[in-house]
């Protein structure tokens, strides 16, 4: 039996560490249970985050963590049509995910958080319907960690929620992602991300190239069908535009992970329990980005966990404040992005060609630069209604999705 804590956090990723940091800074005794022997390893996403989001969270990252600054994006349709957005200042940064995760764990440790590495959480402990800690499996045996609050930050592949039958992700909206790092990329603008649509390369999602400053890049894709590694090979070797970038490239790192695009699970709290980040599917359905939204929600979870300890109230009615608060911040944007994802999932390649062509010809890039927010997409859509070009593209996109077959039935051919 381990000495008990106020808050037990399951998972040492960014969301787990940020929730732990928040609760510890307020005065709670916190432990993080991480199954791997090192925080941040293996990395599960390319680490492409918005500058505005980091400022909103109060995160000023050390320069050694930032691999590049991005000022724009080029969207490519399956036929090679382009739509470019270029901003006057950096809107996103590319971070080293291992160092980013370790930075958060370092400042959490300095705030008093205890990290228990190589500790796999097998199940939660319950007493009279209240979460009261976790059951750990370690290299040298088994152990129980008692707590007053449990924060589940396992990630998309969470086992705990399924075991307690609290709620699961929409399995029909999960795509399989592959991330790779490659060297010697050619003819890529250092400060622009490239996004590639096409059902034969990334069915149900898209592929990407995120440049670094050392002639290397982070690349990847996600797919609703088939083997993501095979699709990545096909993208690198056969795509008429992207393949020219990779003529001298070799893969130096490779990882796989599921991405939930179905919107947040209906209930993210219970007696003595809070659920954050990818575990709660607090992920943008349009892009699969979950770092900023996940950290915003994790901060709220840390605050509510501390308040529960201070007030000695771990009931559902008290813990439900967490869901009320995070919904106030991001629910509108999550729901708007979910509707956009459902629409995108129905648009075939030829219609996407036309959408990208329309966006380019009618100057939608300038409107997006002025009104867009990479994190809060729902609010951005509201701002975009001021631009006639946005209405034209939106109506065509909606018409294309309504009149097209569901793409889930269309299998890309490699």
Foldseek 3Di string as FASTA:
>chain_A
DDDAWAEEEEALALLSLLLLLLLLLVPGAYEYEHQAQAFQPPPADQQKAFPVLCVVLVHDDDPVFFQAFAFWAWEAFLVGFIFIFGHPGGGITGTDRSVVSVVSNVSSVVSNYHYDYNWHFPEFDDDPFAGFWTWTQHPVGIDTHGHQAYEYPNAQVDDHCVVVVVWHADVQQKWKKKKWKKAQFPDDDQRYKYWYDAQQQAQLAIKIWHHGPRRMTMIMHIHSDDDRVVSVVCQCCPRPPNVNRDVPMDTPDMDMDMFGLQFFIPDQAAQRYGYFWNRRNLAQNRHSDTNSLRSVLSSLSSVLSSVCSVVVGRHPVSSCVSVVVSCVVAVLQNVVSSVVSLLVQFAHSVLVSVLSVLCRVQVVSVLCNVQPDPRRHSSSLVSSVVPPSSVVSVVSSNVRSVPGDRSVPPHHDD
